[in-house]
Amino acid sequence: MKFIEIIIAIIGFIFLFIPDDFVLKIIVALTTTIIISFVHIYHIRNENKKINKKNNELNEENN
């Protein structure tokens, strides 16, 4: 997990201890899960772009 994902997870976890409506807690848990998923997908795509760029450079050098 990246730093941003950990911070979002901690914030979502803290919201679970607020004495409010049960539905609100479920909504907060779902939204934090969705946000963490999107952040994780964003990081994976960026890493894949870097890998593809390096592979393209190596292919050009080999040709």
PDB file of N, CA and C in Angstrom:
ATOM      1  N   MET A   1       0.835  -1.189   0.000  1.00  0.00           N
ATOM      2  CA  MET A   1       0.000   0.000   0.000  1.00  0.00           C
ATOM      3  C   MET A   1       0.870   1.239   0.000  1.00  0.00           C
ATOM      4  N   LYS A   2       0.409   2.192  -0.730  1.00  0.00           N
ATOM      5  CA  LYS A   2       1.111   3.467  -0.753  1.00  0.00           C
ATOM      6  C   LYS A   2       0.662   4.307   0.439  1.00  0.00           C
ATOM      7  N   PHE A   3       1.395   5.381   0.675  1.00  0.00           N
ATOM      8  CA  PHE A   3       1.133   6.253   1.816  1.00  0.00           C
ATOM      9  C   PHE A   3      -0.269   6.839   1.778  1.00  0.00           C
ATOM     10  N   ILE A   4      -0.715   7.263   0.604  1.00  0.00           N
ATOM     11  CA  ILE A   4      -2.041   7.877   0.479  1.00  0.00           C
ATOM     12  C   ILE A   4      -3.135   6.866   0.825  1.00  0.00           C
ATOM     13  N   GLU A   5      -2.964   5.632   0.369  1.00  0.00           N
ATOM     14  CA  GLU A   5      -3.962   4.597   0.659  1.00  0.00           C
ATOM     15  C   GLU A   5      -4.048   4.323   2.158  1.00  0.00           C
ATOM     16  N   ILE A   6      -2.910   4.330   2.830  1.00  0.00           N
ATOM     17  CA  ILE A   6      -2.897   4.093   4.279  1.00  0.00           C
ATOM     18  C   ILE A   6      -3.614   5.220   5.009  1.00  0.00           C
ATOM     19  N   ILE A   7      -3.370   6.463   4.604  1.00  0.00           N
ATOM     20  CA  ILE A   7      -4.036   7.612   5.237  1.00  0.00           C
ATOM     21  C   ILE A   7      -5.552   7.521   5.050  1.00  0.00           C
ATOM     22  N   ILE A   8      -5.988   7.190   3.833  1.00  0.00           N
ATOM     23  CA  ILE A   8      -7.426   7.073   3.567  1.00  0.00           C
ATOM     24  C   ILE A   8      -8.030   5.958   4.413  1.00  0.00           C
ATOM     25  N   ALA A   9      -7.326   4.842   4.548  1.00  0.00           N
ATOM     26  CA  ALA A   9      -7.827   3.729   5.356  1.00  0.00           C
ATOM     27  C   ALA A   9      -7.930   4.125   6.826  1.00  0.00           C
ATOM     28  N   ILE A  10      -6.963   4.865   7.335  1.00  0.00           N
ATOM     29  CA  ILE A  10      -7.002   5.305   8.737  1.00  0.00           C
ATOM     30  C   ILE A  10      -8.171   6.249   8.967  1.00  0.00           C
ATOM     31  N   ILE A  11      -8.391   7.164   8.042  1.00  0.00           N
ATOM     32  CA  ILE A  11      -9.517   8.098   8.177  1.00  0.00           C
ATOM     33  C   ILE A  11     -10.836   7.328   8.183  1.00  0.00           C
ATOM     34  N   GLY A  12     -10.973   6.358   7.275  1.00  0.00           N
ATOM     35  CA  GLY A  12     -12.185   5.542   7.256  1.00  0.00           C
ATOM     36  C   GLY A  12     -12.367   4.749   8.535  1.00  0.00           C
ATOM     37  N   PHE A  13     -11.267   4.247   9.081  1.00  0.00           N
ATOM     38  CA  PHE A  13     -11.333   3.480  10.323  1.00  0.00           C
ATOM     39  C   PHE A  13     -11.754   4.362  11.490  1.00  0.00           C
ATOM     40  N   ILE A  14     -11.260   5.596  11.546  1.00  0.00           N
ATOM     41  CA  ILE A  14     -11.633   6.530  12.615  1.00  0.00           C
ATOM     42  C   ILE A  14     -13.125   6.848  12.551  1.00  0.00           C
ATOM     43  N   PHE A  15     -13.671   6.974  11.327  1.00  0.00           N
ATOM     44  CA  PHE A  15     -15.091   7.273  11.184  1.00  0.00           C
ATOM     45  C   PHE A  15     -15.976   6.167  11.755  1.00  0.00           C
ATOM     46  N   LEU A  16     -15.468   4.950  11.849  1.00  0.00           N
ATOM     47  CA  LEU A  16     -16.281   3.852  12.384  1.00  0.00           C
ATOM     48  C   LEU A  16     -16.584   4.034  13.868  1.00  0.00           C
ATOM     49  N   PHE A  17     -15.753   4.802  14.572  1.00  0.00           N
ATOM     50  CA  PHE A  17     -15.948   4.976  16.009  1.00  0.00           C
ATOM     51  C   PHE A  17     -16.784   6.192  16.365  1.00  0.00           C
ATOM     52  N   ILE A  18     -17.250   6.926  15.376  1.00  0.00           N
ATOM     53  CA  ILE A  18     -18.137   8.059  15.632  1.00  0.00           C
ATOM     54  C   ILE A  18     -19.534   7.513  15.899  1.00  0.00           C
ATOM     55  N   PRO A  19     -20.119   7.865  17.044  1.00  0.00           N
ATOM     56  CA  PRO A  19     -21.449   7.317  17.375  1.00  0.00           C
ATOM     57  C   PRO A  19     -22.544   7.969  16.537  1.00  0.00           C
ATOM     58  N   ASP A  20     -22.751   7.438  15.361  1.00  0.00           N
ATOM     59  CA  ASP A  20     -23.762   7.967  14.461  1.00  0.00           C
ATOM     60  C   ASP A  20     -24.610   6.827  13.949  1.00  0.00           C
ATOM     61  N   ASP A  21     -25.293   7.112  12.877  1.00  0.00           N
ATOM     62  CA  ASP A  21     -26.166   6.142  12.245  1.00  0.00           C
ATOM     63  C   ASP A  21     -25.343   5.004  11.634  1.00  0.00           C
ATOM     64  N   PHE A  22     -25.874   3.799  11.709  1.00  0.00           N
ATOM     65  CA  PHE A  22     -25.197   2.620  11.164  1.00  0.00           C
ATOM     66  C   PHE A  22     -25.044   2.718   9.653  1.00  0.00           C
ATOM     67  N   VAL A  23     -26.049   3.284   8.990  1.00  0.00           N
ATOM     68  CA  VAL A  23     -26.001   3.431   7.537  1.00  0.00           C
ATOM     69  C   VAL A  23     -24.865   4.370   7.139  1.00  0.00           C
ATOM     70  N   LEU A  24     -24.643   5.421   7.910  1.00  0.00           N
ATOM     71  CA  LEU A  24     -23.553   6.349   7.633  1.00  0.00           C
ATOM     72  C   LEU A  24     -22.203   5.641   7.721  1.00  0.00           C
ATOM     73  N   LYS A  25     -22.058   4.765   8.708  1.00  0.00           N
ATOM     74  CA  LYS A  25     -20.812   4.018   8.841  1.00  0.00           C
ATOM     75  C   LYS A  25     -20.579   3.115   7.630  1.00  0.00           C
ATOM     76  N   ILE A  26     -21.631   2.492   7.143  1.00  0.00           N
ATOM     77  CA  ILE A  26     -21.501   1.628   5.967  1.00  0.00           C
ATOM     78  C   ILE A  26     -21.126   2.454   4.745  1.00  0.00           C
ATOM     79  N   ILE A  27     -21.747   3.616   4.592  1.00  0.00           N
ATOM     80  CA  ILE A  27     -21.436   4.486   3.452  1.00  0.00           C
ATOM     81  C   ILE A  27     -19.985   4.943   3.502  1.00  0.00           C
ATOM     82  N   VAL A  28     -19.505   5.325   4.683  1.00  0.00           N
ATOM     83  CA  VAL A  28     -18.113   5.758   4.826  1.00  0.00           C
ATOM     84  C   VAL A  28     -17.167   4.609   4.512  1.00  0.00           C
ATOM     85  N   ALA A  29     -17.478   3.417   5.001  1.00  0.00           N
ATOM     86  CA  ALA A  29     -16.619   2.257   4.735  1.00  0.00           C
ATOM     87  C   ALA A  29     -16.572   1.942   3.240  1.00  0.00           C
ATOM     88  N   LEU A  30     -17.710   2.002   2.581  1.00  0.00           N
ATOM     89  CA  LEU A  30     -17.739   1.716   1.146  1.00  0.00           C
ATOM     90  C   LEU A  30     -16.996   2.771   0.334  1.00  0.00           C
ATOM     91  N   THR A  31     -17.194   4.037   0.683  1.00  0.00           N
ATOM     92  CA  THR A  31     -16.515   5.088  -0.083  1.00  0.00           C
ATOM     93  C   THR A  31     -15.003   5.032   0.120  1.00  0.00           C
ATOM     94  N   THR A  32     -14.542   4.759   1.343  1.00  0.00           N
ATOM     95  CA  THR A  32     -13.095   4.649   1.543  1.00  0.00           C
ATOM     96  C   THR A  32     -12.535   3.456   0.782  1.00  0.00           C
ATOM     97  N   THR A  33     -13.271   2.360   0.727  1.00  0.00           N
ATOM     98  CA  THR A  33     -12.823   1.198  -0.036  1.00  0.00           C
ATOM     99  C   THR A  33     -12.730   1.525  -1.522  1.00  0.00           C
ATOM    100  N   ILE A  34     -13.722   2.225  -2.026  1.00  0.00           N
ATOM    101  CA  ILE A  34     -13.715   2.598  -3.447  1.00  0.00           C
ATOM    102  C   ILE A  34     -12.568   3.557  -3.746  1.00  0.00           C
ATOM    103  N   ILE A  35     -12.341   4.523  -2.880  1.00  0.00           N
ATOM    104  CA  ILE A  35     -11.258   5.483  -3.093  1.00  0.00           C
ATOM    105  C   ILE A  35      -9.906   4.777  -3.068  1.00  0.00           C
ATOM    106  N   ILE A  36      -9.716   3.876  -2.098  1.00  0.00           N
ATOM    107  CA  ILE A  36      -8.457   3.134  -2.022  1.00  0.00           C
ATOM    108  C   ILE A  36      -8.261   2.302  -3.287  1.00  0.00           C
ATOM    109  N   SER A  37      -9.333   1.704  -3.783  1.00  0.00           N
ATOM    110  CA  SER A  37      -9.228   0.902  -5.009  1.00  0.00           C
ATOM    111  C   SER A  37      -8.801   1.754  -6.192  1.00  0.00           C
ATOM    112  N   PHE A  38      -9.403   2.934  -6.356  1.00  0.00           N
ATOM    113  CA  PHE A  38      -9.043   3.803  -7.469  1.00  0.00           C
ATOM    114  C   PHE A  38      -7.604   4.302  -7.353  1.00  0.00           C
ATOM    115  N   VAL A  39      -7.177   4.635  -6.134  1.00  0.00           N
ATOM    116  CA  VAL A  39      -5.798   5.089  -5.934  1.00  0.00           C
ATOM    117  C   VAL A  39      -4.825   3.962  -6.270  1.00  0.00           C
ATOM    118  N   HIS A  40      -5.156   2.751  -5.846  1.00  0.00           N
ATOM    119  CA  HIS A  40      -4.305   1.596  -6.127  1.00  0.00           C
ATOM    120  C   HIS A  40      -4.224   1.334  -7.631  1.00  0.00           C
ATOM    121  N   ILE A  41      -5.355   1.396  -8.316  1.00  0.00           N
ATOM    122  CA  ILE A  41      -5.364   1.203  -9.772  1.00  0.00           C
ATOM    123  C   ILE A  41      -4.534   2.287 -10.460  1.00  0.00           C
ATOM    124  N   TYR A  42      -4.631   3.519  -9.979  1.00  0.00           N
ATOM    125  CA  TYR A  42      -3.856   4.625 -10.551  1.00  0.00           C
ATOM    126  C   TYR A  42      -2.359   4.354 -10.420  1.00  0.00           C
ATOM    127  N   HIS A  43      -1.931   3.886  -9.237  1.00  0.00           N
ATOM    128  CA  HIS A  43      -0.519   3.589  -9.027  1.00  0.00           C
ATOM    129  C   HIS A  43      -0.052   2.447  -9.926  1.00  0.00           C
ATOM    130  N   ILE A  44      -0.852   1.424 -10.066  1.00  0.00           N
ATOM    131  CA  ILE A  44      -0.487   0.289 -10.913  1.00  0.00           C
ATOM    132  C   ILE A  44      -0.358   0.737 -12.367  1.00  0.00           C
ATOM    133  N   ARG A  45      -1.272   1.565 -12.842  1.00  0.00           N
ATOM    134  CA  ARG A  45      -1.202   2.042 -14.229  1.00  0.00           C
ATOM    135  C   ARG A  45       0.053   2.878 -14.463  1.00  0.00           C
ATOM    136  N   ASN A  46       0.403   3.718 -13.494  1.00  0.00           N
ATOM    137  CA  ASN A  46       1.611   4.523 -13.643  1.00  0.00           C
ATOM    138  C   ASN A  46       2.858   3.651 -13.683  1.00  0.00           C
ATOM    139  N   GLU A  47       2.909   2.630 -12.834  1.00  0.00           N
ATOM    140  CA  GLU A  47       4.050   1.725 -12.841  1.00  0.00           C
ATOM    141  C   GLU A  47       4.125   0.961 -14.158  1.00  0.00           C
ATOM    142  N   ASN A  48       2.985   0.538 -14.682  1.00  0.00           N
ATOM    143  CA  ASN A  48       2.970  -0.172 -15.962  1.00  0.00           C
ATOM    144  C   ASN A  48       3.421   0.725 -17.106  1.00  0.00           C
ATOM    145  N   LYS A  49       3.042   2.007 -17.057  1.00  0.00           N
ATOM    146  CA  LYS A  49       3.488   2.940 -18.099  1.00  0.00           C
ATOM    147  C   LYS A  49       4.998   3.098 -18.064  1.00  0.00           C
ATOM    148  N   LYS A  50       5.574   3.185 -16.851  1.00  0.00           N
ATOM    149  CA  LYS A  50       7.025   3.312 -16.732  1.00  0.00           C
ATOM    150  C   LYS A  50       7.718   2.064 -17.273  1.00  0.00           C
ATOM    151  N   ILE A  51       7.187   0.894 -16.947  1.00  0.00           N
ATOM    152  CA  ILE A  51       7.772  -0.359 -17.422  1.00  0.00           C
ATOM    153  C   ILE A  51       7.681  -0.443 -18.939  1.00  0.00           C
ATOM    154  N   ASN A  52       6.537  -0.084 -19.507  1.00  0.00           N
ATOM    155  CA  ASN A  52       6.376  -0.120 -20.958  1.00  0.00           C
ATOM    156  C   ASN A  52       7.331   0.851 -21.647  1.00  0.00           C
ATOM    157  N   LYS A  53       7.528   2.018 -21.057  1.00  0.00           N
ATOM    158  CA  LYS A  53       8.435   2.999 -21.633  1.00  0.00           C
ATOM    159  C   LYS A  53       9.864   2.465 -21.642  1.00  0.00           C
ATOM    160  N   LYS A  54      10.281   1.835 -20.535  1.00  0.00           N
ATOM    161  CA  LYS A  54      11.624   1.262 -20.479  1.00  0.00           C
ATOM    162  C   LYS A  54      11.768   0.119 -21.477  1.00  0.00           C
ATOM    163  N   ASN A  55      10.742  -0.711 -21.605  1.00  0.00           N
ATOM    164  CA  ASN A  55      10.787  -1.814 -22.564  1.00  0.00           C
ATOM    165  C   ASN A  55      10.869  -1.299 -23.998  1.00  0.00           C
ATOM    166  N   ASN A  56      10.141  -0.239 -24.299  1.00  0.00           N
ATOM    167  CA  ASN A  56      10.203   0.352 -25.637  1.00  0.00           C
ATOM    168  C   ASN A  56      11.591   0.903 -25.937  1.00  0.00           C
ATOM    169  N   GLU A  57      12.209   1.552 -24.946  1.00  0.00           N
ATOM    170  CA  GLU A  57      13.554   2.079 -25.126  1.00  0.00           C
ATOM    171  C   GLU A  57      14.541   0.939 -25.362  1.00  0.00           C
ATOM    172  N   LEU A  58      14.414  -0.142 -24.597  1.00  0.00           N
ATOM    173  CA  LEU A  58      15.308  -1.280 -24.781  1.00  0.00           C
ATOM    174  C   LEU A  58      15.104  -1.934 -26.138  1.00  0.00           C
ATOM    175  N   ASN A  59      13.864  -2.018 -26.583  1.00  0.00           N
ATOM    176  CA  ASN A  59      13.594  -2.594 -27.897  1.00  0.00           C
ATOM    177  C   ASN A  59      14.197  -1.758 -29.014  1.00  0.00           C
ATOM    178  N   GLU A  60      14.114  -0.445 -28.888  1.00  0.00           N
ATOM    179  CA  GLU A  60      14.693   0.446 -29.892  1.00  0.00           C
ATOM    180  C   GLU A  60      16.217   0.311 -29.932  1.00  0.00           C
ATOM    181  N   GLU A  61      16.837   0.145 -28.738  1.00  0.00           N
ATOM    182  CA  GLU A  61      18.288  -0.032 -28.697  1.00  0.00           C
ATOM    183  C   GLU A  61      18.694  -1.362 -29.322  1.00  0.00           C
ATOM    184  N   ASN A  62      17.925  -2.399 -29.114  1.00  0.00           N
ATOM    185  CA  ASN A  62      18.247  -3.712 -29.651  1.00  0.00           C
ATOM    186  C   ASN A  62      18.069  -3.763 -31.176  1.00  0.00           C
ATOM    187  N   ASN A  63      17.151  -2.953 -31.683  1.00  0.00           N
ATOM    188  CA  ASN A  63      16.921  -2.942 -33.135  1.00  0.00           C
ATOM    189  C   ASN A  63      17.995  -2.105 -33.759  1.00  0.00           C
TER     190      ASN A  63
END
